[in-house]
Amino acid sequence: MRVVQSAKAKASDVSPDVVTAMERITEDLLRESVETIAVPRHYVAQRDANLQVAEWIEGQLWSLGYRVGQQGEYRNLMTLPSCSDRAVVLVGAHYDSVSSTPGADDNASAVAAMLGCAKAVSEFADDLSVCFVAFNREEDGLLGSKDFVDNIVSSGKLKVREAHVLEMVGYCDKRSGSQSLPKGLPIKLARDRGDFLGILGNNRSTALVDSLMSCAKTYVSDFPVLGLKIYFGLERFFPHLERSDHAPFWSQGTPALMWTDTSEFRNPHYHQPSDTPKTLDYEFLCNVTKLLTAQVLTSARN
């Protein structure tokens, strides 16, 4: 395993169109989305709320000009690319929560970032092969993303060039000592403050980690991003590394990155009723969304 930093990456040329798209993203926009989504919405325990949030997300994507379909028995939502023969850049986030929590960070923050990115790139939607997916039942053993990968990706119905899966991306703590690591994980971090975005990539995704580090250096140079490159299938021996919806993509062989604020290794509100919108850092979330937008536009155009 190896930790890399965006601060040490090589910047690329700046695209004015990417900068223009990033400027469409605001903290107020993201806060409004988080506040709308952040209600207890477990698939079984709060079925009505889960359905209402799904309908709201679907409506937001339709309003941006995307064609949206429901996929599978668990109500995954996906935008339908304009050309089915082209490999897509996929952005995904789960919209369910555990039953006891409003899930502002887990995972309303990630859905807000996905929607913010979708809005920012919507003017390019007819020309770019980008797919946005809102997964359900992540909190029940990744059932939604497993169904999506098994029935849409593995079957060849959708060709995925790269996947970016967002899992808790709104919590920041700049105090010294606020960041910890899973026990036994054989790495060291360059900082002990929970003020960075974490990126996980497995053996098939290491080049994608490098691409993202360069993108971060180019477009959000003051925003710290740390990437963990995981070689030789070592993720199998560290369960914390496969706890979200990126894992089915890894198992299927698709290059995929997990974007995270590291959840309980920074956020004391993880899976608690206190995981509310007021605990999030919207400047941090805005930077995540801007980087996501820059990465998606850069990748989709190549």
Protein backbone atom coordinates (compact mmCIF):
# COMPACT_ATOMS: atom_id res chain seq x y z
CA MET A 1 0.00 0.00 0.00
CA ARG A 2 1.14 3.51 -0.72
CA VAL A 3 -0.20 6.93 0.29
CA VAL A 4 0.10 9.73 -2.27
CA GLN A 5 -0.71 13.44 -1.89
CA SER A 6 -2.22 15.91 -4.31
CA ALA A 7 0.23 18.53 -3.01
CA LYS A 8 3.07 16.52 -4.56
CA ALA A 9 1.30 15.76 -7.85
CA LYS A 10 2.07 17.43 -11.15
CA ALA A 11 -0.52 19.92 -12.34
CA SER A 12 -1.87 19.78 -15.89
CA ASP A 13 -3.17 22.51 -18.16
CA VAL A 14 -6.27 24.35 -16.94
CA SER A 15 -9.41 24.10 -19.07
CA PRO A 16 -11.53 27.28 -19.01
CA ASP A 17 -14.69 25.19 -19.52
CA VAL A 18 -13.92 23.12 -16.44
CA VAL A 19 -13.37 26.27 -14.39
CA THR A 20 -16.71 27.66 -15.63
CA ALA A 21 -18.50 24.44 -14.64
CA MET A 22 -16.90 24.47 -11.19
CA GLU A 23 -18.10 28.03 -10.62
CA ARG A 24 -21.71 26.79 -10.78
CA ILE A 25 -21.22 24.90 -7.51
CA THR A 26 -22.04 26.77 -4.31
CA GLU A 27 -22.18 25.95 -0.63
CA ASP A 28 -25.82 27.06 -0.49
CA LEU A 29 -26.77 24.63 -3.25
CA LEU A 30 -25.12 21.73 -1.42
CA ARG A 31 -26.58 22.70 1.95
CA GLU A 32 -30.11 22.77 0.51
CA SER A 33 -29.68 19.27 -0.89
CA VAL A 34 -28.30 17.90 2.38
CA GLU A 35 -31.13 19.45 4.39
CA THR A 36 -33.72 17.94 2.05
CA ILE A 37 -32.25 14.44 2.11
CA ALA A 38 -31.23 14.25 5.79
CA VAL A 39 -34.14 12.35 7.33
CA PRO A 40 -34.07 8.75 8.61
CA ARG A 41 -34.64 6.78 5.38
CA HIS A 42 -33.71 3.15 5.84
CA TYR A 43 -35.11 0.94 3.07
CA VAL A 44 -37.14 -1.20 5.48
CA ALA A 45 -37.55 0.81 8.69
CA GLN A 46 -38.49 4.09 6.99
CA ARG A 47 -39.76 2.84 3.65
CA ASP A 48 -41.96 5.88 2.91
CA ALA A 49 -39.12 8.33 3.59
CA ASN A 50 -36.76 6.20 1.52
CA LEU A 51 -39.20 6.36 -1.39
CA GLN A 52 -39.76 10.10 -0.98
CA VAL A 53 -36.03 10.81 -1.06
CA ALA A 54 -35.67 8.63 -4.15
CA GLU A 55 -38.45 10.53 -5.89
CA TRP A 56 -36.83 13.85 -4.98
CA ILE A 57 -33.44 12.77 -6.37
CA GLU A 58 -35.09 11.49 -9.52
CA GLY A 59 -36.92 14.78 -9.94
CA GLN A 60 -33.72 16.77 -9.50
CA LEU A 61 -31.96 14.79 -12.22
CA TRP A 62 -34.92 15.10 -14.62
CA SER A 63 -34.98 18.87 -14.01
CA LEU A 64 -31.35 19.07 -15.10
CA GLY A 65 -32.20 17.48 -18.44
CA TYR A 66 -31.10 13.92 -17.76
CA ARG A 67 -33.18 10.89 -18.68
CA VAL A 68 -33.58 8.83 -15.51
CA GLY A 69 -34.59 5.22 -14.96
CA GLN A 70 -35.14 3.04 -11.92
CA GLN A 71 -32.95 -0.05 -11.85
CA GLY A 72 -33.44 -3.29 -9.98
CA GLU A 73 -35.68 -4.36 -7.14
CA TYR A 74 -34.13 -1.92 -4.66
CA ARG A 75 -34.92 1.31 -6.56
CA ASN A 76 -31.48 2.32 -7.70
CA LEU A 77 -31.70 5.44 -9.85
CA MET A 78 -29.53 5.96 -12.92
CA THR A 79 -29.23 8.52 -15.67
CA LEU A 80 -29.33 7.04 -19.14
CA PRO A 81 -26.36 7.97 -21.36
CA SER A 82 -27.18 9.41 -24.75
CA CYS A 83 -25.02 6.80 -26.49
CA SER A 84 -25.12 3.24 -25.14
CA ASP A 85 -22.08 2.12 -27.13
CA ARG A 86 -19.61 4.47 -25.42
CA ALA A 87 -17.93 3.66 -22.12
CA VAL A 88 -19.08 6.03 -19.39
CA VAL A 89 -17.58 7.80 -16.44
CA LEU A 90 -19.84 6.76 -13.57
CA VAL A 91 -20.52 8.77 -10.41
CA GLY A 92 -22.39 6.96 -7.64
CA ALA A 93 -23.59 7.52 -4.07
CA HIS A 94 -26.04 5.67 -1.85
CA TYR A 95 -29.12 7.55 -0.65
CA ASP A 96 -30.35 5.28 2.15
CA SER A 97 -29.40 5.70 5.81
CA VAL A 98 -29.35 3.53 8.90
CA SER A 99 -32.68 3.63 10.67
CA SER A 100 -31.55 5.62 13.69
CA THR A 101 -30.00 8.58 11.95
CA PRO A 102 -30.80 11.39 9.51
CA GLY A 103 -27.52 10.54 7.79
CA ALA A 104 -26.38 14.03 6.84
CA ASP A 105 -22.81 12.90 6.24
CA ASP A 106 -23.79 9.27 5.67
CA ASN A 107 -24.77 9.75 2.94
CA ALA A 108 -26.69 12.94 2.15
CA SER A 109 -23.37 14.74 1.72
CA ALA A 110 -22.37 12.37 -1.09
CA VAL A 111 -25.72 12.58 -2.87
CA ALA A 112 -25.51 16.38 -2.66
CA ALA A 113 -22.05 16.26 -4.23
CA MET A 114 -23.28 13.95 -6.98
CA LEU A 115 -26.23 16.24 -7.74
CA GLY A 116 -23.98 19.30 -7.64
CA CYS A 117 -21.69 17.65 -10.16
CA ALA A 118 -24.65 16.63 -12.31
CA LYS A 119 -25.84 20.23 -12.36
CA ALA A 120 -22.39 21.58 -13.20
CA VAL A 121 -21.88 19.25 -16.16
CA SER A 122 -25.49 19.26 -17.38
CA GLU A 123 -24.76 21.66 -20.24
CA PHE A 124 -22.34 19.03 -21.58
CA ALA A 125 -24.69 16.07 -21.02
CA ASP A 126 -25.53 15.54 -24.70
CA ASP A 127 -21.85 15.26 -25.65
CA LEU A 128 -20.34 13.51 -22.66
CA SER A 129 -20.68 9.88 -21.65
CA VAL A 130 -21.41 10.32 -17.94
CA CYS A 131 -23.74 8.22 -15.80
CA PHE A 132 -24.99 9.23 -12.34
CA VAL A 133 -26.30 6.47 -10.07
CA ALA A 134 -28.01 6.74 -6.68
CA PHE A 135 -27.73 3.36 -4.96
CA ASN A 136 -30.15 2.07 -2.34
CA ARG A 137 -29.55 -0.42 0.47
CA GLU A 138 -25.85 0.27 0.97
CA GLU A 139 -26.58 -0.03 4.68
CA ASP A 140 -27.90 -3.56 4.09
CA GLY A 141 -24.78 -5.21 2.73
CA LEU A 142 -24.38 -3.14 -0.46
CA LEU A 143 -27.44 -4.81 -1.97
CA GLY A 144 -28.23 -1.99 -4.38
CA SER A 145 -24.75 -1.58 -5.87
CA LYS A 146 -24.25 -5.34 -6.07
CA ASP A 147 -27.48 -5.63 -8.06
CA PHE A 148 -26.40 -2.76 -10.32
CA VAL A 149 -22.98 -4.25 -11.04
CA ASP A 150 -24.33 -7.78 -11.52
CA ASN A 151 -27.20 -6.84 -13.83
CA ILE A 152 -26.02 -3.68 -15.59
CA VAL A 153 -22.21 -3.64 -15.65
CA SER A 154 -21.25 -7.32 -15.73
CA SER A 155 -23.94 -8.03 -18.31
CA GLY A 156 -22.50 -5.40 -20.64
CA LYS A 157 -25.62 -3.24 -20.65
CA LEU A 158 -23.44 -0.34 -19.52
CA LYS A 159 -19.74 -0.06 -20.26
CA VAL A 160 -17.99 1.73 -17.39
CA ARG A 161 -14.58 3.24 -18.07
CA GLU A 162 -14.13 4.42 -14.50
CA ALA A 163 -16.34 4.73 -11.43
CA HIS A 164 -16.22 7.35 -8.67
CA VAL A 165 -18.19 6.26 -5.59
CA LEU A 166 -18.84 8.86 -2.90
CA GLU A 167 -19.14 7.74 0.74
CA MET A 168 -19.39 10.44 3.42
CA VAL A 169 -17.69 13.54 2.00
CA GLY A 170 -18.90 16.41 4.19
CA TYR A 171 -17.18 16.25 7.57
CA CYS A 172 -13.97 18.12 8.34
CA ASP A 173 -12.07 18.59 11.61
CA LYS A 174 -8.96 20.77 11.49
CA ARG A 175 -7.89 20.06 15.07
CA SER A 176 -4.64 18.21 15.63
CA GLY A 177 -5.26 14.57 16.49
CA SER A 178 -8.76 14.49 14.98
CA GLN A 179 -7.85 11.86 12.36
CA SER A 180 -7.34 8.18 13.13
CA LEU A 181 -6.85 5.03 11.06
CA PRO A 182 -8.39 1.54 11.07
CA LYS A 183 -6.51 -0.71 13.45
CA GLY A 184 -3.80 -2.70 11.71
CA LEU A 185 -3.83 -0.76 8.46
CA PRO A 186 -0.12 -0.67 7.48
CA ILE A 187 0.15 2.98 6.44
CA LYS A 188 1.10 6.33 7.89
CA LEU A 189 -0.50 9.65 7.05
CA ALA A 190 1.33 12.89 6.49
CA ARG A 191 -1.17 14.70 8.72
CA ASP A 192 -3.15 13.93 11.88
CA ARG A 193 -5.94 16.42 11.17
CA GLY A 194 -9.22 15.35 9.62
CA ASP A 195 -9.16 18.07 7.01
CA PHE A 196 -8.42 16.08 3.84
CA LEU A 197 -10.39 14.09 1.29
CA GLY A 198 -9.44 10.42 1.21
CA ILE A 199 -9.31 8.43 -2.04
CA LEU A 200 -9.06 4.63 -2.19
CA GLY A 201 -7.99 2.78 -5.32
CA ASN A 202 -7.22 -0.91 -5.76
CA ASN A 203 -4.67 -2.49 -8.09
CA ARG A 204 -6.77 -1.79 -11.21
CA SER A 205 -7.34 1.80 -10.14
CA THR A 206 -3.89 3.11 -9.28
CA ALA A 207 -3.58 5.07 -12.55
CA LEU A 208 -6.93 6.64 -11.76
CA VAL A 209 -5.61 7.71 -8.35
CA ASP A 210 -2.73 9.47 -10.10
CA SER A 211 -5.11 11.15 -12.53
CA LEU A 212 -7.23 12.46 -9.67
CA MET A 213 -4.21 13.74 -7.74
CA SER A 214 -3.15 15.71 -10.82
CA CYS A 215 -6.67 17.06 -11.25
CA ALA A 216 -6.74 18.16 -7.60
CA LYS A 217 -3.39 19.90 -7.96
CA THR A 218 -4.65 21.68 -11.07
CA TYR A 219 -8.10 22.83 -9.99
CA VAL A 220 -8.25 22.84 -6.15
CA SER A 221 -4.59 23.21 -5.25
CA ASP A 222 -5.25 24.42 -1.69
CA PHE A 223 -7.54 21.47 -0.90
CA PRO A 224 -5.62 18.52 0.63
CA VAL A 225 -6.34 15.16 -1.01
CA LEU A 226 -4.68 11.91 0.04
CA GLY A 227 -4.87 8.80 -2.08
CA LEU A 228 -4.33 5.23 -0.90
CA LYS A 229 -3.09 2.85 -3.59
CA ILE A 230 -3.88 -0.75 -2.64
CA TYR A 231 -1.81 -3.37 -4.46
CA PHE A 232 -1.97 -7.15 -4.93
CA GLY A 233 -5.58 -7.50 -3.76
CA LEU A 234 -4.69 -6.57 -0.20
CA GLU A 235 -8.12 -4.99 0.29
CA ARG A 236 -9.40 -8.53 0.94
CA PHE A 237 -7.48 -8.59 4.21
CA PHE A 238 -8.68 -5.21 5.47
CA PRO A 239 -12.51 -5.15 5.55
CA HIS A 240 -12.64 -1.41 6.22
CA LEU A 241 -11.38 -0.84 2.68
CA GLU A 242 -14.40 -2.56 1.08
CA ARG A 243 -17.24 -1.17 3.15
CA SER A 244 -19.04 0.86 0.48
CA ASP A 245 -20.47 0.69 -3.02
CA HIS A 246 -17.08 0.79 -4.76
CA ALA A 247 -16.46 -2.80 -3.63
CA PRO A 248 -18.73 -4.50 -6.22
CA PHE A 249 -16.97 -2.55 -8.98
CA TRP A 250 -13.59 -3.71 -7.66
CA SER A 251 -14.81 -7.31 -7.58
CA GLN A 252 -16.07 -7.02 -11.14
CA GLY A 253 -12.78 -5.55 -12.37
CA THR A 254 -13.86 -1.99 -13.11
CA PRO A 255 -11.39 0.80 -12.21
CA ALA A 256 -13.12 2.56 -9.32
CA LEU A 257 -12.28 5.03 -6.59
CA MET A 258 -13.92 5.53 -3.24
CA TRP A 259 -14.13 9.18 -2.13
CA THR A 260 -14.48 9.62 1.62
CA ASP A 261 -13.91 11.82 4.64
CA THR A 262 -12.99 8.51 6.37
CA SER A 263 -16.30 8.21 8.30
CA GLU A 264 -15.90 7.11 11.93
CA PHE A 265 -12.15 7.60 11.81
CA ARG A 266 -12.91 11.31 11.89
CA ASN A 267 -16.63 11.88 12.33
CA PRO A 268 -17.94 11.17 15.88
CA HIS A 269 -21.52 11.32 14.57
CA TYR A 270 -21.15 8.24 12.35
CA HIS A 271 -24.37 6.16 12.52
CA GLN A 272 -25.69 8.38 15.32
CA PRO A 273 -28.84 10.52 15.59
CA SER A 274 -26.46 13.47 15.80
CA ASP A 275 -25.41 13.08 12.14
CA THR A 276 -27.30 16.25 11.20
CA PRO A 277 -26.75 18.92 8.53
CA LYS A 278 -25.38 21.44 11.02
CA THR A 279 -22.36 19.20 11.75
CA LEU A 280 -21.05 19.35 8.18
CA ASP A 281 -18.43 21.66 6.70
CA TYR A 282 -19.93 23.03 3.50
CA GLU A 283 -16.71 24.63 2.30
CA PHE A 284 -15.12 21.18 2.47
CA LEU A 285 -18.10 19.61 0.67
CA CYS A 286 -17.97 22.34 -1.97
CA ASN A 287 -14.30 21.59 -2.65
CA VAL A 288 -15.09 17.88 -2.98
CA THR A 289 -17.84 18.64 -5.48
CA LYS A 290 -15.66 20.99 -7.51
CA LEU A 291 -12.92 18.37 -7.70
CA LEU A 292 -15.46 15.72 -8.70
CA THR A 293 -16.75 17.97 -11.47
CA ALA A 294 -13.24 18.68 -12.74
CA GLN A 295 -12.36 14.98 -12.74
CA VAL A 296 -15.57 13.95 -14.51
CA LEU A 297 -15.26 16.57 -17.23
CA THR A 298 -11.56 15.84 -17.75
CA SER A 299 -12.05 12.07 -17.93
CA ALA A 300 -15.19 12.15 -20.05
CA ARG A 301 -13.52 14.31 -22.68
CA ASN A 302 -10.51 12.02 -23.10
